[in-house]
């Protein structure tokens, strides 16, 4: 009987630790889901570059972003929509892949670019002025495709939000 009581106590303790682990890692177990849409970047020379982007539109989606991802296809990305024009500050905490960040105004024009942001860095990346969107692509994409400030980004969500405002 004494052995059973001790074993039961250990089982309860193990259960408590498991419950604590699940609570602490709950955000990893309950990753946000993202809708996707096509997105096109048109350079000043008229060249179009097509991507499929995940949409980060809720506070939880924007908080999670591309954290904990180990890879992303060359034609993929993530579009952060803030629902207002404002100064934006990003970071690379828990993000394992280098990213190019395009800071985009309401009219779809790229206002500023941060190339190859350092993975896992907690350094603040400033939009350098008010913007409505941030597009994250694999590091090196901006250079490879010749994307520059002033280029235009086209996307259904951006068009819809522009018309609604």
Protein backbone atom coordinates (compact mmCIF):
# COMPACT_ATOMS: atom_id res chain seq x y z
CA UNK A 1 0.00 0.00 0.00
CA UNK A 2 2.83 2.35 0.84
CA UNK A 3 4.50 1.68 -2.54
CA UNK A 4 1.24 2.48 -4.36
CA UNK A 5 0.90 5.81 -2.51
CA UNK A 6 4.46 6.77 -3.38
CA UNK A 7 3.95 5.76 -7.03
CA UNK A 8 0.69 7.71 -7.16
CA UNK A 9 2.47 10.78 -5.77
CA UNK A 10 5.14 10.52 -8.45
CA UNK A 11 2.47 10.14 -11.12
CA UNK A 12 0.68 13.28 -9.87
CA UNK A 13 3.97 15.17 -9.82
CA UNK A 14 4.78 14.03 -13.36
CA UNK A 15 1.27 15.09 -14.45
CA UNK A 16 1.77 18.52 -12.88
CA UNK A 17 5.08 18.95 -14.73
CA UNK A 18 3.45 17.90 -18.00
CA UNK A 19 0.62 20.40 -17.46
CA UNK A 20 3.15 23.16 -16.69
CA UNK A 21 5.15 22.28 -19.82
CA UNK A 22 2.01 22.41 -21.99
CA UNK A 23 1.04 25.81 -20.54
CA UNK A 24 4.50 27.28 -21.08
CA UNK A 25 4.82 25.92 -24.60
CA UNK A 26 1.19 26.55 -25.51
CA UNK A 27 2.11 29.26 -28.01
CA UNK A 28 4.30 26.80 -29.90
CA UNK A 29 1.52 24.22 -29.88
CA UNK A 30 -1.13 26.69 -30.98
CA UNK A 31 0.63 28.48 -33.84
CA UNK A 32 -1.50 31.01 -35.64
CA UNK A 33 -2.85 30.11 -39.05
CA UNK A 34 -2.34 32.52 -41.94
CA UNK A 35 -4.41 33.05 -45.09
CA UNK A 36 -2.40 33.44 -48.30
CA UNK A 37 -2.73 35.69 -51.35
CA UNK A 38 -0.75 36.48 -54.47
CA UNK A 39 1.40 39.61 -54.35
CA UNK A 40 3.32 41.33 -57.13
CA UNK A 41 6.22 43.76 -56.94
CA UNK A 42 6.60 45.97 -60.02
CA UNK A 43 10.03 47.56 -60.43
CA UNK A 44 10.58 50.97 -62.05
CA UNK A 45 11.67 49.22 -65.24
CA UNK A 46 8.24 47.58 -65.42
CA UNK A 47 9.42 44.11 -64.44
CA UNK A 48 6.94 42.12 -62.29
CA UNK A 49 7.92 39.66 -59.57
CA UNK A 50 5.20 37.33 -58.24
CA UNK A 51 5.02 35.91 -54.71
CA UNK A 52 2.51 34.08 -52.56
CA UNK A 53 2.37 35.72 -49.15
CA UNK A 54 0.90 34.79 -45.82
CA UNK A 55 -1.21 37.58 -44.33
CA UNK A 56 -0.42 38.75 -40.79
CA UNK A 57 -3.43 40.94 -40.00
CA UNK A 58 -4.34 40.22 -36.36
CA UNK A 59 -2.17 41.24 -33.40
CA UNK A 60 -1.38 37.57 -32.64
CA UNK A 61 -0.42 36.86 -36.26
CA UNK A 62 1.79 39.96 -36.40
CA UNK A 63 3.43 38.95 -33.10
CA UNK A 64 4.20 35.45 -34.38
CA UNK A 65 5.21 36.43 -37.91
CA UNK A 66 7.87 34.12 -39.31
CA UNK A 67 9.25 33.17 -35.89
CA UNK A 68 10.51 29.61 -35.50
CA UNK A 69 10.59 28.92 -39.24
CA UNK A 70 13.73 27.26 -40.52
CA UNK A 71 13.14 27.84 -44.25
CA UNK A 72 10.89 29.62 -46.73
CA UNK A 73 10.55 29.06 -50.48
CA UNK A 74 11.98 31.78 -52.75
CA UNK A 75 8.53 32.75 -54.06
CA UNK A 76 6.94 33.05 -50.60
CA UNK A 77 6.77 35.81 -48.01
CA UNK A 78 4.66 37.41 -45.30
CA UNK A 79 2.70 40.65 -45.53
CA UNK A 80 2.04 42.46 -42.25
CA UNK A 81 -1.00 44.78 -42.41
CA UNK A 82 -1.32 47.22 -39.50
CA UNK A 83 -4.70 48.77 -40.33
CA UNK A 84 -3.29 52.27 -39.95
CA UNK A 85 -0.42 54.46 -41.10
CA UNK A 86 2.28 54.59 -38.42
CA UNK A 87 5.95 54.17 -37.61
CA UNK A 88 6.72 50.45 -37.42
CA UNK A 89 9.43 48.67 -35.43
CA UNK A 90 10.32 45.06 -36.24
CA UNK A 91 12.86 42.56 -34.87
CA UNK A 92 14.18 39.10 -35.66
CA UNK A 93 13.72 37.44 -32.27
CA UNK A 94 13.21 33.67 -32.75
CA UNK A 95 13.45 34.09 -36.55
CA UNK A 96 16.01 31.69 -37.99
CA UNK A 97 16.15 32.84 -41.61
CA UNK A 98 17.61 36.16 -42.81
CA UNK A 99 14.87 38.41 -44.15
CA UNK A 100 14.54 41.41 -46.43
CA UNK A 101 11.90 43.80 -45.04
CA UNK A 102 10.06 46.17 -47.36
CA UNK A 103 8.25 49.02 -45.61
CA UNK A 104 5.25 49.97 -47.74
CA UNK A 105 2.93 53.01 -47.72
CA UNK A 106 -0.86 52.92 -48.13
CA UNK A 107 -0.47 53.67 -51.88
CA UNK A 108 1.62 50.50 -52.34
CA UNK A 109 4.96 52.24 -52.83
CA UNK A 110 8.01 50.83 -51.08
CA UNK A 111 9.26 53.58 -48.74
CA UNK A 112 12.27 51.87 -47.13
CA UNK A 113 14.07 48.52 -47.21
CA UNK A 114 16.09 46.58 -44.65
CA UNK A 115 18.15 43.96 -46.46
CA UNK A 116 19.20 40.66 -44.89
CA UNK A 117 18.08 41.29 -41.33
CA UNK A 118 20.19 39.18 -38.98
CA UNK A 119 18.50 36.00 -37.72
CA UNK A 120 17.73 35.81 -33.97
CA UNK A 121 18.68 39.47 -33.43
CA UNK A 122 16.69 41.58 -30.99
CA UNK A 123 17.94 44.79 -32.61
CA UNK A 124 15.07 47.10 -33.56
CA UNK A 125 14.48 47.61 -37.29
CA UNK A 126 12.80 50.97 -37.89
CA UNK A 127 10.50 51.72 -40.84
CA UNK A 128 12.12 55.18 -41.02
CA UNK A 129 8.73 56.84 -41.29
CA UNK A 130 5.02 56.04 -41.28
CA UNK A 131 3.91 53.00 -43.31
CA UNK A 132 0.89 50.69 -43.54
CA UNK A 133 2.56 47.39 -44.42
CA UNK A 134 5.74 45.39 -44.06
CA UNK A 135 6.60 42.66 -46.56
CA UNK A 136 9.12 40.05 -45.43
CA UNK A 137 10.96 38.05 -48.10
CA UNK A 138 13.97 35.76 -47.94
CA UNK A 139 17.21 37.64 -47.36
CA UNK A 140 18.91 38.47 -50.66
CA UNK A 141 15.66 38.69 -52.67
CA UNK A 142 15.78 42.50 -52.88
CA UNK A 143 19.30 42.44 -54.31
CA UNK A 144 18.66 39.47 -56.62
CA UNK A 145 15.54 41.05 -58.16
CA UNK A 146 16.70 44.68 -58.13
CA UNK A 147 13.88 45.84 -55.86
CA UNK A 148 14.23 49.46 -54.72
CA UNK A 149 12.38 52.14 -52.74
CA UNK A 150 9.73 53.60 -55.04
CA UNK A 151 8.75 50.23 -56.53
CA UNK A 152 5.05 49.38 -56.33
CA UNK A 153 3.55 46.43 -54.45
CA UNK A 154 0.18 45.09 -55.62
CA UNK A 155 -2.02 42.80 -53.56
CA UNK A 156 -5.75 42.17 -53.07
CA UNK A 157 -5.73 42.90 -49.32
CA UNK A 158 -3.85 46.16 -49.86
CA UNK A 159 -6.34 47.21 -52.59
CA UNK A 160 -9.29 46.34 -50.35
CA UNK A 161 -7.92 48.26 -47.35
CA UNK A 162 -7.02 51.29 -49.51
CA UNK A 163 -10.59 51.47 -50.88
CA UNK A 164 -12.10 51.08 -47.39
CA UNK A 165 -10.18 54.06 -45.96
